[in-house]
Amino acid sequence: MAEGPWNVAIIATGGLSHFPELSLARVGQSDPVFDRRIVKLMEAGDHEAMTALTAKELHESGSHELLNWLVLLGAVSPARATVRFFGEMGRVDLAALQWDVA
């Protein structure tokens, strides 16, 4: 990691699992089992398991917005996440995680 005079923050936004128009049969649902697994992988710093997720897995779990988080993992790897918030909201699960790379 290069040293420099700047402080940098990278923010990745997007919900965890939820089903808007992707699957009408599951609109209004989330996949908390999948979401807990994903958060634990980020907390463990297991970025290889995250990047091994297929487009089919992301689609079936309603986690298409996780692609935004994968870009962030590329920037912070190999850092582990600190979970600041995880909530099962029923319609969408939410998480706030922080990576300290300094």
PDB file of N, CA and C in Angstrom:
ATOM      1  N   MET A   1       0.854  -1.171   0.000  1.00  0.00           N
ATOM      2  CA  MET A   1       0.000   0.000   0.000  1.00  0.00           C
ATOM      3  C   MET A   1       0.902   1.237   0.000  1.00  0.00           C
ATOM      4  N   ALA A   2       0.649   2.167  -0.872  1.00  0.00           N
ATOM      5  CA  ALA A   2       1.442   3.386  -0.993  1.00  0.00           C
ATOM      6  C   ALA A   2       1.072   4.382   0.098  1.00  0.00           C
ATOM      7  N   GLU A   3       2.064   5.089   0.577  1.00  0.00           N
ATOM      8  CA  GLU A   3       1.849   6.140   1.572  1.00  0.00           C
ATOM      9  C   GLU A   3       1.622   7.450   0.836  1.00  0.00           C
ATOM     10  N   GLY A   4       0.858   8.340   1.423  1.00  0.00           N
ATOM     11  CA  GLY A   4       0.629   9.650   0.823  1.00  0.00           C
ATOM     12  C   GLY A   4       0.066  10.602   1.842  1.00  0.00           C
ATOM     13  N   PRO A   5      -0.065  11.865   1.487  1.00  0.00           N
ATOM     14  CA  PRO A   5      -0.548  12.871   2.430  1.00  0.00           C
ATOM     15  C   PRO A   5      -2.082  12.919   2.536  1.00  0.00           C
ATOM     16  N   TRP A   6      -2.783  12.035   1.825  1.00  0.00           N
ATOM     17  CA  TRP A   6      -4.235  12.140   1.774  1.00  0.00           C
ATOM     18  C   TRP A   6      -4.917  11.124   2.667  1.00  0.00           C
ATOM     19  N   ASN A   7      -6.061  11.511   3.178  1.00  0.00           N
ATOM     20  CA  ASN A   7      -6.990  10.590   3.820  1.00  0.00           C
ATOM     21  C   ASN A   7      -8.074  10.296   2.795  1.00  0.00           C
ATOM     22  N   VAL A   8      -8.352   9.051   2.586  1.00  0.00           N
ATOM     23  CA  VAL A   8      -9.295   8.654   1.541  1.00  0.00           C
ATOM     24  C   VAL A   8     -10.398   7.800   2.151  1.00  0.00           C
ATOM     25  N   ALA A   9     -11.609   8.040   1.723  1.00  0.00           N
ATOM     26  CA  ALA A   9     -12.740   7.200   2.118  1.00  0.00           C
ATOM     27  C   ALA A   9     -13.387   6.662   0.851  1.00  0.00           C
ATOM     28  N   ILE A  10     -13.711   5.397   0.874  1.00  0.00           N
ATOM     29  CA  ILE A  10     -14.431   4.765  -0.234  1.00  0.00           C
ATOM     30  C   ILE A  10     -15.754   4.283   0.335  1.00  0.00           C
ATOM     31  N   ILE A  11     -16.824   4.621  -0.320  1.00  0.00           N
ATOM     32  CA  ILE A  11     -18.149   4.241   0.152  1.00  0.00           C
ATOM     33  C   ILE A  11     -18.816   3.383  -0.920  1.00  0.00           C
ATOM     34  N   ALA A  12     -19.292   2.221  -0.513  1.00  0.00           N
ATOM     35  CA  ALA A  12     -20.058   1.359  -1.407  1.00  0.00           C
ATOM     36  C   ALA A  12     -21.466   1.277  -0.847  1.00  0.00           C
ATOM     37  N   THR A  13     -22.428   1.596  -1.660  1.00  0.00           N
ATOM     38  CA  THR A  13     -23.808   1.552  -1.188  1.00  0.00           C
ATOM     39  C   THR A  13     -24.564   0.442  -1.900  1.00  0.00           C
ATOM     40  N   GLY A  14     -25.621   0.045  -1.298  1.00  0.00           N
ATOM     41  CA  GLY A  14     -26.477  -0.983  -1.875  1.00  0.00           C
ATOM     42  C   GLY A  14     -27.005  -1.851  -0.762  1.00  0.00           C
ATOM     43  N   GLY A  15     -28.219  -2.293  -0.923  1.00  0.00           N
ATOM     44  CA  GLY A  15     -28.810  -3.160   0.084  1.00  0.00           C
ATOM     45  C   GLY A  15     -28.259  -4.561  -0.026  1.00  0.00           C
ATOM     46  N   LEU A  16     -28.525  -5.347   0.970  1.00  0.00           N
ATOM     47  CA  LEU A  16     -28.213  -6.762   0.878  1.00  0.00           C
ATOM     48  C   LEU A  16     -29.362  -7.394   0.096  1.00  0.00           C
ATOM     49  N   SER A  17     -29.817  -8.552   0.482  1.00  0.00           N
ATOM     50  CA  SER A  17     -30.824  -9.227  -0.334  1.00  0.00           C
ATOM     51  C   SER A  17     -32.168  -8.507  -0.307  1.00  0.00           C
ATOM     52  N   HIS A  18     -32.738  -8.412  -1.458  1.00  0.00           N
ATOM     53  CA  HIS A  18     -34.114  -7.932  -1.598  1.00  0.00           C
ATOM     54  C   HIS A  18     -34.560  -8.211  -3.026  1.00  0.00           C
ATOM     55  N   PHE A  19     -35.828  -8.282  -3.207  1.00  0.00           N
ATOM     56  CA  PHE A  19     -36.382  -8.668  -4.502  1.00  0.00           C
ATOM     57  C   PHE A  19     -37.333  -7.594  -4.986  1.00  0.00           C
ATOM     58  N   PRO A  20     -36.808  -6.607  -5.699  1.00  0.00           N
ATOM     59  CA  PRO A  20     -37.739  -5.651  -6.307  1.00  0.00           C
ATOM     60  C   PRO A  20     -38.398  -6.311  -7.506  1.00  0.00           C
ATOM     61  N   GLU A  21     -38.097  -5.880  -8.688  1.00  0.00           N
ATOM     62  CA  GLU A  21     -38.730  -6.445  -9.875  1.00  0.00           C
ATOM     63  C   GLU A  21     -38.010  -7.695 -10.377  1.00  0.00           C
ATOM     64  N   LEU A  22     -36.926  -8.116  -9.721  1.00  0.00           N
ATOM     65  CA  LEU A  22     -36.151  -9.254 -10.221  1.00  0.00           C
ATOM     66  C   LEU A  22     -36.922 -10.565 -10.169  1.00  0.00           C
ATOM     67  N   SER A  23     -37.758 -10.720  -9.181  1.00  0.00           N
ATOM     68  CA  SER A  23     -38.502 -11.962  -9.035  1.00  0.00           C
ATOM     69  C   SER A  23     -39.841 -11.645  -8.386  1.00  0.00           C
ATOM     70  N   LEU A  24     -40.853 -11.487  -9.192  1.00  0.00           N
ATOM     71  CA  LEU A  24     -42.153 -11.078  -8.668  1.00  0.00           C
ATOM     72  C   LEU A  24     -42.675 -12.013  -7.584  1.00  0.00           C
ATOM     73  N   ALA A  25     -42.314 -13.279  -7.644  1.00  0.00           N
ATOM     74  CA  ALA A  25     -42.781 -14.223  -6.630  1.00  0.00           C
ATOM     75  C   ALA A  25     -42.194 -13.921  -5.250  1.00  0.00           C
ATOM     76  N   ARG A  26     -41.083 -13.171  -5.189  1.00  0.00           N
ATOM     77  CA  ARG A  26     -40.428 -12.910  -3.905  1.00  0.00           C
ATOM     78  C   ARG A  26     -40.395 -11.427  -3.544  1.00  0.00           C
ATOM     79  N   VAL A  27     -41.136 -10.597  -4.224  1.00  0.00           N
ATOM     80  CA  VAL A  27     -41.167  -9.171  -3.897  1.00  0.00           C
ATOM     81  C   VAL A  27     -41.532  -8.997  -2.429  1.00  0.00           C
ATOM     82  N   GLY A  28     -40.788  -8.140  -1.740  1.00  0.00           N
ATOM     83  CA  GLY A  28     -41.064  -7.882  -0.334  1.00  0.00           C
ATOM     84  C   GLY A  28     -40.389  -8.852   0.617  1.00  0.00           C
ATOM     85  N   GLN A  29     -39.498  -9.701   0.110  1.00  0.00           N
ATOM     86  CA  GLN A  29     -38.788 -10.654   0.953  1.00  0.00           C
ATOM     87  C   GLN A  29     -37.296 -10.364   0.926  1.00  0.00           C
ATOM     88  N   SER A  30     -36.593 -10.904   1.892  1.00  0.00           N
ATOM     89  CA  SER A  30     -35.139 -10.878   1.876  1.00  0.00           C
ATOM     90  C   SER A  30     -34.640 -12.293   2.126  1.00  0.00           C
ATOM     91  N   ASP A  31     -33.334 -12.475   2.081  1.00  0.00           N
ATOM     92  CA  ASP A  31     -32.715 -13.780   2.313  1.00  0.00           C
ATOM     93  C   ASP A  31     -31.716 -13.619   3.452  1.00  0.00           C
ATOM     94  N   PRO A  32     -32.193 -13.587   4.710  1.00  0.00           N
ATOM     95  CA  PRO A  32     -31.303 -13.313   5.834  1.00  0.00           C
ATOM     96  C   PRO A  32     -30.193 -14.344   6.026  1.00  0.00           C
ATOM     97  N   VAL A  33     -30.420 -15.592   5.663  1.00  0.00           N
ATOM     98  CA  VAL A  33     -29.368 -16.611   5.799  1.00  0.00           C
ATOM     99  C   VAL A  33     -28.194 -16.258   4.884  1.00  0.00           C
ATOM    100  N   PHE A  34     -28.496 -15.922   3.638  1.00  0.00           N
ATOM    101  CA  PHE A  34     -27.457 -15.523   2.691  1.00  0.00           C
ATOM    102  C   PHE A  34     -26.763 -14.243   3.186  1.00  0.00           C
ATOM    103  N   ASP A  35     -27.539 -13.287   3.650  1.00  0.00           N
ATOM    104  CA  ASP A  35     -26.970 -12.014   4.094  1.00  0.00           C
ATOM    105  C   ASP A  35     -26.040 -12.183   5.291  1.00  0.00           C
ATOM    106  N   ARG A  36     -26.434 -13.013   6.256  1.00  0.00           N
ATOM    107  CA  ARG A  36     -25.558 -13.263   7.412  1.00  0.00           C
ATOM    108  C   ARG A  36     -24.255 -13.916   6.953  1.00  0.00           C
ATOM    109  N   ARG A  37     -24.355 -14.829   5.994  1.00  0.00           N
ATOM    110  CA  ARG A  37     -23.152 -15.486   5.446  1.00  0.00           C
ATOM    111  C   ARG A  37     -22.216 -14.457   4.804  1.00  0.00           C
ATOM    112  N   ILE A  38     -22.775 -13.567   4.021  1.00  0.00           N
ATOM    113  CA  ILE A  38     -21.976 -12.550   3.337  1.00  0.00           C
ATOM    114  C   ILE A  38     -21.284 -11.627   4.341  1.00  0.00           C
ATOM    115  N   VAL A  39     -22.021 -11.167   5.338  1.00  0.00           N
ATOM    116  CA  VAL A  39     -21.447 -10.264   6.343  1.00  0.00           C
ATOM    117  C   VAL A  39     -20.326 -10.970   7.098  1.00  0.00           C
ATOM    118  N   LYS A  40     -20.519 -12.255   7.428  1.00  0.00           N
ATOM    119  CA  LYS A  40     -19.474 -13.004   8.129  1.00  0.00           C
ATOM    120  C   LYS A  40     -18.229 -13.164   7.256  1.00  0.00           C
ATOM    121  N   LEU A  41     -18.416 -13.361   5.949  1.00  0.00           N
ATOM    122  CA  LEU A  41     -17.263 -13.460   5.047  1.00  0.00           C
ATOM    123  C   LEU A  41     -16.470 -12.155   5.029  1.00  0.00           C
ATOM    124  N   MET A  42     -17.173 -11.022   4.991  1.00  0.00           N
ATOM    125  CA  MET A  42     -16.475  -9.741   4.982  1.00  0.00           C
ATOM    126  C   MET A  42     -15.794  -9.487   6.323  1.00  0.00           C
ATOM    127  N   GLU A  43     -16.436  -9.901   7.399  1.00  0.00           N
ATOM    128  CA  GLU A  43     -15.864  -9.736   8.738  1.00  0.00           C
ATOM    129  C   GLU A  43     -14.606 -10.599   8.888  1.00  0.00           C
ATOM    130  N   ALA A  44     -14.603 -11.765   8.266  1.00  0.00           N
ATOM    131  CA  ALA A  44     -13.450 -12.673   8.328  1.00  0.00           C
ATOM    132  C   ALA A  44     -12.360 -12.286   7.328  1.00  0.00           C
ATOM    133  N   GLY A  45     -12.672 -11.368   6.423  1.00  0.00           N
ATOM    134  CA  GLY A  45     -11.710 -11.003   5.385  1.00  0.00           C
ATOM    135  C   GLY A  45     -11.580 -12.071   4.316  1.00  0.00           C
ATOM    136  N   ASP A  46     -12.598 -12.906   4.168  1.00  0.00           N
ATOM    137  CA  ASP A  46     -12.580 -13.977   3.180  1.00  0.00           C
ATOM    138  C   ASP A  46     -13.062 -13.441   1.834  1.00  0.00           C
ATOM    139  N   HIS A  47     -12.220 -12.636   1.218  1.00  0.00           N
ATOM    140  CA  HIS A  47     -12.597 -11.985  -0.033  1.00  0.00           C
ATOM    141  C   HIS A  47     -12.633 -12.962  -1.199  1.00  0.00           C
ATOM    142  N   GLU A  48     -11.854 -14.040  -1.118  1.00  0.00           N
ATOM    143  CA  GLU A  48     -11.886 -15.034  -2.194  1.00  0.00           C
ATOM    144  C   GLU A  48     -13.268 -15.676  -2.300  1.00  0.00           C
ATOM    145  N   ALA A  49     -13.868 -15.982  -1.162  1.00  0.00           N
ATOM    146  CA  ALA A  49     -15.213 -16.573  -1.184  1.00  0.00           C
ATOM    147  C   ALA A  49     -16.223 -15.579  -1.741  1.00  0.00           C
ATOM    148  N   MET A  50     -16.018 -14.316  -1.436  1.00  0.00           N
ATOM    149  CA  MET A  50     -16.928 -13.281  -1.958  1.00  0.00           C
ATOM    150  C   MET A  50     -16.819 -13.176  -3.481  1.00  0.00           C
ATOM    151  N   THR A  51     -15.598 -13.146  -3.982  1.00  0.00           N
ATOM    152  CA  THR A  51     -15.423 -12.982  -5.425  1.00  0.00           C
ATOM    153  C   THR A  51     -15.772 -14.254  -6.188  1.00  0.00           C
ATOM    154  N   ALA A  52     -15.917 -15.372  -5.492  1.00  0.00           N
ATOM    155  CA  ALA A  52     -16.303 -16.623  -6.144  1.00  0.00           C
ATOM    156  C   ALA A  52     -17.813 -16.723  -6.343  1.00  0.00           C
ATOM    157  N   LEU A  53     -18.575 -15.803  -5.759  1.00  0.00           N
ATOM    158  CA  LEU A  53     -20.029 -15.824  -5.947  1.00  0.00           C
ATOM    159  C   LEU A  53     -20.363 -15.656  -7.420  1.00  0.00           C
ATOM    160  N   THR A  54     -21.294 -16.437  -7.895  1.00  0.00           N
ATOM    161  CA  THR A  54     -21.676 -16.352  -9.302  1.00  0.00           C
ATOM    162  C   THR A  54     -22.831 -15.373  -9.482  1.00  0.00           C
ATOM    163  N   ALA A  55     -23.014 -14.924 -10.710  1.00  0.00           N
ATOM    164  CA  ALA A  55     -24.142 -14.051 -11.018  1.00  0.00           C
ATOM    165  C   ALA A  55     -25.458 -14.758 -10.692  1.00  0.00           C
ATOM    166  N   LYS A  56     -25.511 -16.065 -10.902  1.00  0.00           N
ATOM    167  CA  LYS A  56     -26.716 -16.835 -10.592  1.00  0.00           C
ATOM    168  C   LYS A  56     -27.010 -16.804  -9.090  1.00  0.00           C
ATOM    169  N   GLU A  57     -25.974 -16.990  -8.247  1.00  0.00           N
ATOM    170  CA  GLU A  57     -26.170 -16.938  -6.793  1.00  0.00           C
ATOM    171  C   GLU A  57     -26.665 -15.559  -6.358  1.00  0.00           C
ATOM    172  N   LEU A  58     -26.071 -14.521  -6.914  1.00  0.00           N
ATOM    173  CA  LEU A  58     -26.484 -13.161  -6.562  1.00  0.00           C
ATOM    174  C   LEU A  58     -27.930 -12.912  -6.982  1.00  0.00           C
ATOM    175  N   HIS A  59     -28.298 -13.372  -8.158  1.00  0.00           N
ATOM    176  CA  HIS A  59     -29.662 -13.187  -8.648  1.00  0.00           C
ATOM    177  C   HIS A  59     -30.662 -13.967  -7.779  1.00  0.00           C
ATOM    178  N   GLU A  60     -30.352 -15.227  -7.503  1.00  0.00           N
ATOM    179  CA  GLU A  60     -31.281 -16.065  -6.744  1.00  0.00           C
ATOM    180  C   GLU A  60     -31.450 -15.604  -5.304  1.00  0.00           C
ATOM    181  N   SER A  61     -30.437 -14.938  -4.754  1.00  0.00           N
ATOM    182  CA  SER A  61     -30.533 -14.462  -3.373  1.00  0.00           C
ATOM    183  C   SER A  61     -31.034 -13.021  -3.310  1.00  0.00           C
ATOM    184  N   GLY A  62     -31.247 -12.402  -4.464  1.00  0.00           N
ATOM    185  CA  GLY A  62     -31.690 -11.008  -4.476  1.00  0.00           C
ATOM    186  C   GLY A  62     -30.581 -10.051  -4.086  1.00  0.00           C
ATOM    187  N   SER A  63     -29.340 -10.462  -4.296  1.00  0.00           N
ATOM    188  CA  SER A  63     -28.188  -9.680  -3.834  1.00  0.00           C
ATOM    189  C   SER A  63     -27.418  -9.030  -4.973  1.00  0.00           C
ATOM    190  N   HIS A  64     -28.126  -8.586  -5.989  1.00  0.00           N
ATOM    191  CA  HIS A  64     -27.474  -7.965  -7.142  1.00  0.00           C
ATOM    192  C   HIS A  64     -26.682  -6.717  -6.761  1.00  0.00           C
ATOM    193  N   GLU A  65     -27.094  -6.000  -5.716  1.00  0.00           N
ATOM    194  CA  GLU A  65     -26.375  -4.787  -5.323  1.00  0.00           C
ATOM    195  C   GLU A  65     -25.070  -5.091  -4.601  1.00  0.00           C
ATOM    196  N   LEU A  66     -24.831  -6.356  -4.292  1.00  0.00           N
ATOM    197  CA  LEU A  66     -23.572  -6.752  -3.663  1.00  0.00           C
ATOM    198  C   LEU A  66     -22.391  -6.509  -4.598  1.00  0.00           C
ATOM    199  N   LEU A  67     -22.650  -6.388  -5.885  1.00  0.00           N
ATOM    200  CA  LEU A  67     -21.569  -6.094  -6.826  1.00  0.00           C
ATOM    201  C   LEU A  67     -20.848  -4.799  -6.452  1.00  0.00           C
ATOM    202  N   ASN A  68     -21.573  -3.813  -5.932  1.00  0.00           N
ATOM    203  CA  ASN A  68     -20.946  -2.566  -5.486  1.00  0.00           C
ATOM    204  C   ASN A  68     -19.943  -2.823  -4.365  1.00  0.00           C
ATOM    205  N   TRP A  69     -20.298  -3.728  -3.462  1.00  0.00           N
ATOM    206  CA  TRP A  69     -19.430  -4.043  -2.332  1.00  0.00           C
ATOM    207  C   TRP A  69     -18.180  -4.798  -2.802  1.00  0.00           C
ATOM    208  N   LEU A  70     -18.311  -5.600  -3.859  1.00  0.00           N
ATOM    209  CA  LEU A  70     -17.163  -6.341  -4.366  1.00  0.00           C
ATOM    210  C   LEU A  70     -16.086  -5.403  -4.900  1.00  0.00           C
ATOM    211  N   VAL A  71     -16.492  -4.304  -5.497  1.00  0.00           N
ATOM    212  CA  VAL A  71     -15.521  -3.303  -5.960  1.00  0.00           C
ATOM    213  C   VAL A  71     -14.767  -2.743  -4.762  1.00  0.00           C
ATOM    214  N   LEU A  72     -15.476  -2.432  -3.692  1.00  0.00           N
ATOM    215  CA  LEU A  72     -14.844  -1.930  -2.485  1.00  0.00           C
ATOM    216  C   LEU A  72     -13.865  -2.952  -1.918  1.00  0.00           C
ATOM    217  N   LEU A  73     -14.229  -4.230  -1.918  1.00  0.00           N
ATOM    218  CA  LEU A  73     -13.330  -5.260  -1.392  1.00  0.00           C
ATOM    219  C   LEU A  73     -12.017  -5.285  -2.154  1.00  0.00           C
ATOM    220  N   GLY A  74     -12.067  -5.016  -3.455  1.00  0.00           N
ATOM    221  CA  GLY A  74     -10.833  -4.943  -4.229  1.00  0.00           C
ATOM    222  C   GLY A  74      -9.918  -3.834  -3.749  1.00  0.00           C
ATOM    223  N   ALA A  75     -10.493  -2.750  -3.271  1.00  0.00           N
ATOM    224  CA  ALA A  75      -9.702  -1.613  -2.802  1.00  0.00           C
ATOM    225  C   ALA A  75      -9.154  -1.815  -1.394  1.00  0.00           C
ATOM    226  N   VAL A  76      -9.855  -2.563  -0.547  1.00  0.00           N
ATOM    227  CA  VAL A  76      -9.453  -2.689   0.858  1.00  0.00           C
ATOM    228  C   VAL A  76      -8.767  -4.018   1.178  1.00  0.00           C
ATOM    229  N   SER A  77      -8.772  -4.945   0.240  1.00  0.00           N
ATOM    230  CA  SER A  77      -8.212  -6.271   0.489  1.00  0.00           C
ATOM    231  C   SER A  77      -6.759  -6.152   0.940  1.00  0.00           C
ATOM    232  N   PRO A  78      -6.346  -6.866   1.932  1.00  0.00           N
ATOM    233  CA  PRO A  78      -6.960  -7.994   2.623  1.00  0.00           C
ATOM    234  C   PRO A  78      -7.647  -7.626   3.943  1.00  0.00           C
ATOM    235  N   ALA A  79      -7.980  -6.380   4.141  1.00  0.00           N
ATOM    236  CA  ALA A  79      -8.553  -5.935   5.419  1.00  0.00           C
ATOM    237  C   ALA A  79      -9.865  -6.651   5.745  1.00  0.00           C
ATOM    238  N   ARG A  80     -10.105  -6.810   7.029  1.00  0.00           N
ATOM    239  CA  ARG A  80     -11.352  -7.405   7.526  1.00  0.00           C
ATOM    240  C   ARG A  80     -12.316  -6.293   7.906  1.00  0.00           C
ATOM    241  N   ALA A  81     -13.586  -6.562   7.742  1.00  0.00           N
ATOM    242  CA  ALA A  81     -14.612  -5.577   8.066  1.00  0.00           C
ATOM    243  C   ALA A  81     -14.936  -5.609   9.555  1.00  0.00           C
ATOM    244  N   THR A  82     -15.312  -4.449  10.060  1.00  0.00           N
ATOM    245  CA  THR A  82     -15.917  -4.339  11.378  1.00  0.00           C
ATOM    246  C   THR A  82     -17.394  -4.059  11.134  1.00  0.00           C
ATOM    247  N   VAL A  83     -18.250  -4.895  11.701  1.00  0.00           N
ATOM    248  CA  VAL A  83     -19.687  -4.722  11.503  1.00  0.00           C
ATOM    249  C   VAL A  83     -20.172  -3.646  12.462  1.00  0.00           C
ATOM    250  N   ARG A  84     -20.700  -2.579  11.909  1.00  0.00           N
ATOM    251  CA  ARG A  84     -21.260  -1.486  12.703  1.00  0.00           C
ATOM    252  C   ARG A  84     -22.760  -1.653  12.911  1.00  0.00           C
ATOM    253  N   PHE A  85     -23.417  -2.311  11.956  1.00  0.00           N
ATOM    254  CA  PHE A  85     -24.858  -2.536  12.044  1.00  0.00           C
ATOM    255  C   PHE A  85     -25.231  -3.683  11.122  1.00  0.00           C
ATOM    256  N   PHE A  86     -26.115  -4.542  11.594  1.00  0.00           N
ATOM    257  CA  PHE A  86     -26.751  -5.548  10.736  1.00  0.00           C
ATOM    258  C   PHE A  86     -28.190  -5.667  11.195  1.00  0.00           C
ATOM    259  N   GLY A  87     -29.109  -5.533  10.271  1.00  0.00           N
ATOM    260  CA  GLY A  87     -30.513  -5.611  10.633  1.00  0.00           C
ATOM    261  C   GLY A  87     -31.319  -6.352   9.599  1.00  0.00           C
ATOM    262  N   GLU A  88     -32.107  -7.291  10.076  1.00  0.00           N
ATOM    263  CA  GLU A  88     -33.059  -7.993   9.214  1.00  0.00           C
ATOM    264  C   GLU A  88     -34.351  -7.199   9.248  1.00  0.00           C
ATOM    265  N   MET A  89     -34.683  -6.592   8.128  1.00  0.00           N
ATOM    266  CA  MET A  89     -35.840  -5.714   8.059  1.00  0.00           C
ATOM    267  C   MET A  89     -37.049  -6.377   7.405  1.00  0.00           C
ATOM    268  N   GLY A  90     -36.887  -7.625   6.973  1.00  0.00           N
ATOM    269  CA  GLY A  90     -37.999  -8.331   6.338  1.00  0.00           C
ATOM    270  C   GLY A  90     -38.033  -8.108   4.839  1.00  0.00           C
ATOM    271  N   ARG A  91     -38.171  -6.869   4.423  1.00  0.00           N
ATOM    272  CA  ARG A  91     -38.223  -6.568   2.982  1.00  0.00           C
ATOM    273  C   ARG A  91     -36.835  -6.414   2.388  1.00  0.00           C
ATOM    274  N   VAL A  92     -35.893  -5.986   3.200  1.00  0.00           N
ATOM    275  CA  VAL A  92     -34.494  -5.843   2.794  1.00  0.00           C
ATOM    276  C   VAL A  92     -33.665  -5.938   4.066  1.00  0.00           C
ATOM    277  N   ASP A  93     -32.525  -6.575   3.960  1.00  0.00           N
ATOM    278  CA  ASP A  93     -31.607  -6.619   5.093  1.00  0.00           C
ATOM    279  C   ASP A  93     -30.550  -5.551   4.869  1.00  0.00           C
ATOM    280  N   LEU A  94     -30.143  -4.912   5.952  1.00  0.00           N
ATOM    281  CA  LEU A  94     -29.196  -3.801   5.859  1.00  0.00           C
ATOM    282  C   LEU A  94     -27.971  -4.067   6.705  1.00  0.00           C
ATOM    283  N   ALA A  95     -26.840  -3.559   6.251  1.00  0.00           N
ATOM    284  CA  ALA A  95     -25.612  -3.674   7.027  1.00  0.00           C
ATOM    285  C   ALA A  95     -24.765  -2.441   6.800  1.00  0.00           C
ATOM    286  N   ALA A  96     -24.037  -2.069   7.822  1.00  0.00           N
ATOM    287  CA  ALA A  96     -23.025  -1.015   7.718  1.00  0.00           C
ATOM    288  C   ALA A  96     -21.732  -1.616   8.222  1.00  0.00           C
ATOM    289  N   LEU A  97     -20.730  -1.630   7.381  1.00  0.00           N
ATOM    290  CA  LEU A  97     -19.445  -2.212   7.721  1.00  0.00           C
ATOM    291  C   LEU A  97     -18.349  -1.173   7.499  1.00  0.00           C
ATOM    292  N   GLN A  98     -17.254  -1.361   8.203  1.00  0.00           N
ATOM    293  CA  GLN A  98     -16.135  -0.424   8.090  1.00  0.00           C
ATOM    294  C   GLN A  98     -14.840  -1.222   7.978  1.00  0.00           C
ATOM    295  N   TRP A  99     -13.971  -0.773   7.091  1.00  0.00           N
ATOM    296  CA  TRP A  99     -12.656  -1.368   6.932  1.00  0.00           C
ATOM    297  C   TRP A  99     -11.620  -0.306   7.260  1.00  0.00           C
ATOM    298  N   ASP A 100     -10.705  -0.612   8.159  1.00  0.00           N
ATOM    299  CA  ASP A 100      -9.589   0.279   8.455  1.00  0.00           C
ATOM    300  C   ASP A 100      -8.353  -0.324   7.802  1.00  0.00           C
ATOM    301  N   VAL A 101      -7.750   0.394   6.901  1.00  0.00           N
ATOM    302  CA  VAL A 101      -6.605  -0.136   6.167  1.00  0.00           C
ATOM    303  C   VAL A 101      -5.304   0.579   6.534  1.00  0.00           C
ATOM    304  N   ALA A 102      -5.370   1.534   7.416  1.00  0.00           N
ATOM    305  CA  ALA A 102      -4.147   2.262   7.785  1.00  0.00           C
ATOM    306  C   ALA A 102      -3.316   1.479   8.759  1.00  0.00           C
TER     307      ALA A 102
END
